[in-house]
């Protein structure tokens, strides 16, 4: 999956949660942790580590709350 598609998906999640003041980053992280596969989370975390181009602030803020995938999942 491309970084652009991951960013678009993450930003759509953020757009929903920013309507709920004070819980945007927690909501984004919870949704991604519960619904994204380990390889998708690994790709998003790598994109954020590379600067996070195109990501909404709530997604960047959620990064510290994302559950890192198991090492082997990042290699699939």
N, C-alpha and C. Protein backbone atom coordinates (compact mmCIF):
# COMPACT_ATOMS: atom_id res chain seq x y z
N UNK A 1 0.85 -1.17 0.00
CA UNK A 1 0.00 0.00 0.00
C UNK A 1 0.89 1.24 0.00
N UNK A 2 0.52 2.22 -0.77
CA UNK A 2 1.36 3.42 -0.89
C UNK A 2 1.19 4.33 0.33
N UNK A 3 2.21 5.17 0.53
CA UNK A 3 2.13 6.15 1.62
C UNK A 3 0.95 7.09 1.42
N UNK A 4 0.67 7.46 0.17
CA UNK A 4 -0.45 8.36 -0.11
C UNK A 4 -1.78 7.74 0.32
N UNK A 5 -1.96 6.45 0.02
CA UNK A 5 -3.21 5.79 0.39
C UNK A 5 -3.32 5.66 1.91
N UNK A 6 -2.22 5.28 2.57
CA UNK A 6 -2.23 5.20 4.04
C UNK A 6 -2.55 6.55 4.66
N UNK A 7 -1.93 7.61 4.12
CA UNK A 7 -2.17 8.95 4.64
C UNK A 7 -3.63 9.34 4.45
N UNK A 8 -4.18 9.05 3.29
CA UNK A 8 -5.58 9.40 3.02
C UNK A 8 -6.50 8.66 4.00
N UNK A 9 -6.24 7.37 4.20
CA UNK A 9 -7.07 6.59 5.13
C UNK A 9 -6.94 7.11 6.57
N UNK A 10 -5.71 7.35 7.00
CA UNK A 10 -5.48 7.86 8.36
C UNK A 10 -6.12 9.23 8.54
N UNK A 11 -6.02 10.08 7.53
CA UNK A 11 -6.61 11.41 7.61
C UNK A 11 -8.14 11.36 7.66
N UNK A 12 -8.74 10.38 6.98
CA UNK A 12 -10.20 10.21 7.06
C UNK A 12 -10.62 9.84 8.48
N UNK A 13 -9.83 8.98 9.10
CA UNK A 13 -10.11 8.61 10.49
C UNK A 13 -9.97 9.84 11.39
N UNK A 14 -8.90 10.60 11.17
CA UNK A 14 -8.67 11.81 11.97
C UNK A 14 -9.79 12.82 11.77
N UNK A 15 -10.29 12.96 10.55
CA UNK A 15 -11.37 13.91 10.27
C UNK A 15 -12.61 13.59 11.10
N UNK A 16 -12.88 12.32 11.31
CA UNK A 16 -14.00 11.94 12.16
C UNK A 16 -13.72 12.31 13.62
N UNK A 17 -12.55 11.94 14.12
CA UNK A 17 -12.28 12.12 15.54
C UNK A 17 -12.00 13.56 15.95
N UNK A 18 -11.61 14.42 15.04
CA UNK A 18 -11.40 15.83 15.43
C UNK A 18 -12.71 16.51 15.77
N UNK A 19 -13.83 15.91 15.41
CA UNK A 19 -15.13 16.48 15.80
C UNK A 19 -15.44 16.20 17.26
N UNK A 20 -14.61 15.40 17.91
CA UNK A 20 -14.78 15.06 19.32
C UNK A 20 -13.61 15.65 20.10
N UNK A 21 -13.72 16.90 20.52
CA UNK A 21 -12.60 17.59 21.16
C UNK A 21 -11.98 16.81 22.32
N UNK A 22 -10.68 16.83 22.35
CA UNK A 22 -9.94 16.22 23.44
C UNK A 22 -9.65 14.74 23.30
N UNK A 23 -10.23 14.09 22.29
CA UNK A 23 -10.00 12.65 22.15
C UNK A 23 -9.51 12.28 20.75
N UNK A 24 -9.19 13.26 19.93
CA UNK A 24 -8.85 12.98 18.54
C UNK A 24 -7.69 11.99 18.42
N UNK A 25 -6.55 12.27 19.04
CA UNK A 25 -5.39 11.40 18.91
C UNK A 25 -5.66 10.02 19.49
N UNK A 26 -6.33 9.98 20.64
CA UNK A 26 -6.65 8.69 21.25
C UNK A 26 -7.60 7.89 20.37
N UNK A 27 -8.59 8.55 19.77
CA UNK A 27 -9.53 7.88 18.89
C UNK A 27 -8.87 7.35 17.64
N UNK A 28 -7.99 8.17 17.05
CA UNK A 28 -7.27 7.73 15.85
C UNK A 28 -6.42 6.50 16.17
N UNK A 29 -5.67 6.58 17.24
CA UNK A 29 -4.79 5.46 17.61
C UNK A 29 -5.61 4.20 17.92
N UNK A 30 -6.68 4.35 18.64
CA UNK A 30 -7.51 3.20 18.99
C UNK A 30 -8.09 2.54 17.74
N UNK A 31 -8.59 3.36 16.82
CA UNK A 31 -9.17 2.81 15.59
C UNK A 31 -8.11 2.09 14.76
N UNK A 32 -6.95 2.71 14.60
CA UNK A 32 -5.89 2.09 13.81
C UNK A 32 -5.39 0.81 14.49
N UNK A 33 -5.19 0.85 15.80
CA UNK A 33 -4.73 -0.35 16.51
C UNK A 33 -5.73 -1.50 16.38
N UNK A 34 -7.02 -1.17 16.41
CA UNK A 34 -8.05 -2.21 16.38
C UNK A 34 -8.35 -2.73 14.97
N UNK A 35 -8.12 -1.91 13.95
CA UNK A 35 -8.61 -2.25 12.62
C UNK A 35 -7.56 -2.39 11.52
N UNK A 36 -6.37 -1.90 11.75
CA UNK A 36 -5.33 -1.99 10.72
C UNK A 36 -4.45 -3.19 10.99
N UNK A 37 -4.03 -3.85 9.93
CA UNK A 37 -3.14 -5.00 10.06
C UNK A 37 -1.76 -4.54 10.52
N UNK A 38 -0.98 -5.44 11.11
CA UNK A 38 0.37 -5.07 11.53
C UNK A 38 1.22 -4.46 10.39
N UNK A 39 1.18 -5.00 9.17
CA UNK A 39 1.98 -4.37 8.11
C UNK A 39 1.52 -2.94 7.78
N UNK A 40 0.21 -2.69 7.88
CA UNK A 40 -0.28 -1.33 7.62
C UNK A 40 0.19 -0.38 8.72
N UNK A 41 0.12 -0.83 9.98
CA UNK A 41 0.62 0.01 11.09
C UNK A 41 2.11 0.27 10.94
N UNK A 42 2.85 -0.76 10.55
CA UNK A 42 4.30 -0.59 10.35
C UNK A 42 4.58 0.43 9.26
N UNK A 43 3.83 0.37 8.17
CA UNK A 43 4.03 1.32 7.07
C UNK A 43 3.68 2.74 7.51
N UNK A 44 2.60 2.89 8.28
CA UNK A 44 2.23 4.23 8.76
C UNK A 44 3.29 4.77 9.71
N UNK A 45 3.76 3.94 10.63
CA UNK A 45 4.80 4.39 11.56
C UNK A 45 6.09 4.76 10.82
N UNK A 46 6.43 4.01 9.77
CA UNK A 46 7.61 4.34 8.97
C UNK A 46 7.41 5.66 8.26
N UNK A 47 6.21 5.89 7.75
CA UNK A 47 5.91 7.16 7.06
C UNK A 47 6.01 8.33 8.04
N UNK A 48 5.50 8.14 9.24
CA UNK A 48 5.59 9.19 10.27
C UNK A 48 7.05 9.44 10.63
N UNK A 49 7.83 8.37 10.78
CA UNK A 49 9.25 8.52 11.12
C UNK A 49 10.02 9.24 10.02
N UNK A 50 9.54 9.13 8.79
CA UNK A 50 10.19 9.80 7.66
C UNK A 50 9.69 11.23 7.47
N UNK A 51 8.89 11.72 8.40
CA UNK A 51 8.42 13.09 8.33
C UNK A 51 6.92 13.23 8.29
N UNK A 52 6.21 12.18 7.92
CA UNK A 52 4.75 12.20 7.95
C UNK A 52 4.10 13.14 6.96
N UNK A 53 4.69 13.29 5.80
CA UNK A 53 4.15 14.21 4.78
C UNK A 53 2.69 13.89 4.49
N UNK A 54 1.87 14.92 4.53
CA UNK A 54 0.47 14.81 4.17
C UNK A 54 -0.45 14.32 5.28
N UNK A 55 0.09 14.05 6.46
CA UNK A 55 -0.74 13.54 7.54
C UNK A 55 -1.32 14.68 8.39
N UNK A 56 -2.55 14.48 8.82
CA UNK A 56 -3.22 15.44 9.70
C UNK A 56 -2.51 15.47 11.05
N UNK A 57 -2.55 16.60 11.73
CA UNK A 57 -1.91 16.69 13.06
C UNK A 57 -2.38 15.62 14.04
N UNK A 58 -3.66 15.25 14.00
CA UNK A 58 -4.16 14.23 14.93
C UNK A 58 -3.52 12.88 14.66
N UNK A 59 -3.17 12.59 13.42
CA UNK A 59 -2.50 11.33 13.10
C UNK A 59 -1.08 11.35 13.65
N UNK A 60 -0.40 12.46 13.46
CA UNK A 60 0.97 12.59 13.99
C UNK A 60 0.95 12.45 15.51
N UNK A 61 -0.02 13.10 16.15
CA UNK A 61 -0.12 13.03 17.61
C UNK A 61 -0.45 11.61 18.07
N UNK A 62 -1.19 10.88 17.27
CA UNK A 62 -1.58 9.52 17.63
C UNK A 62 -0.41 8.53 17.52
N UNK A 63 0.63 8.90 16.82
CA UNK A 63 1.74 7.97 16.57
C UNK A 63 2.30 7.35 17.84
N UNK A 64 2.42 8.13 18.89
CA UNK A 64 3.00 7.59 20.13
C UNK A 64 2.08 6.58 20.81
N UNK A 65 0.81 6.55 20.39
CA UNK A 65 -0.16 5.62 20.98
C UNK A 65 -0.39 4.39 20.11
N UNK A 66 0.22 4.37 18.92
CA UNK A 66 0.03 3.23 18.03
C UNK A 66 0.81 2.02 18.54
N UNK A 67 0.17 0.89 18.48
CA UNK A 67 0.79 -0.36 18.92
C UNK A 67 1.77 -0.80 17.83
N UNK A 68 3.07 -0.87 18.16
CA UNK A 68 4.02 -1.30 17.15
C UNK A 68 3.76 -2.76 16.77
N UNK A 69 3.85 -3.05 15.49
CA UNK A 69 3.62 -4.43 15.06
C UNK A 69 4.79 -5.32 15.49
N UNK A 70 4.53 -6.61 15.59
CA UNK A 70 5.64 -7.53 15.88
C UNK A 70 6.72 -7.40 14.80
N UNK A 71 7.94 -7.65 15.15
CA UNK A 71 9.05 -7.48 14.21
C UNK A 71 8.81 -8.24 12.91
N UNK A 72 8.32 -9.45 13.01
CA UNK A 72 8.12 -10.26 11.81
C UNK A 72 7.04 -9.68 10.90
N UNK A 73 6.04 -8.98 11.47
CA UNK A 73 4.98 -8.41 10.65
C UNK A 73 5.49 -7.28 9.78
N UNK A 74 6.49 -6.57 10.24
CA UNK A 74 7.04 -5.46 9.46
C UNK A 74 7.77 -5.97 8.23
N UNK A 75 8.11 -7.24 8.20
CA UNK A 75 8.86 -7.79 7.09
C UNK A 75 7.97 -8.45 6.05
N UNK A 76 6.66 -8.52 6.29
CA UNK A 76 5.76 -9.18 5.34
C UNK A 76 5.30 -8.25 4.28
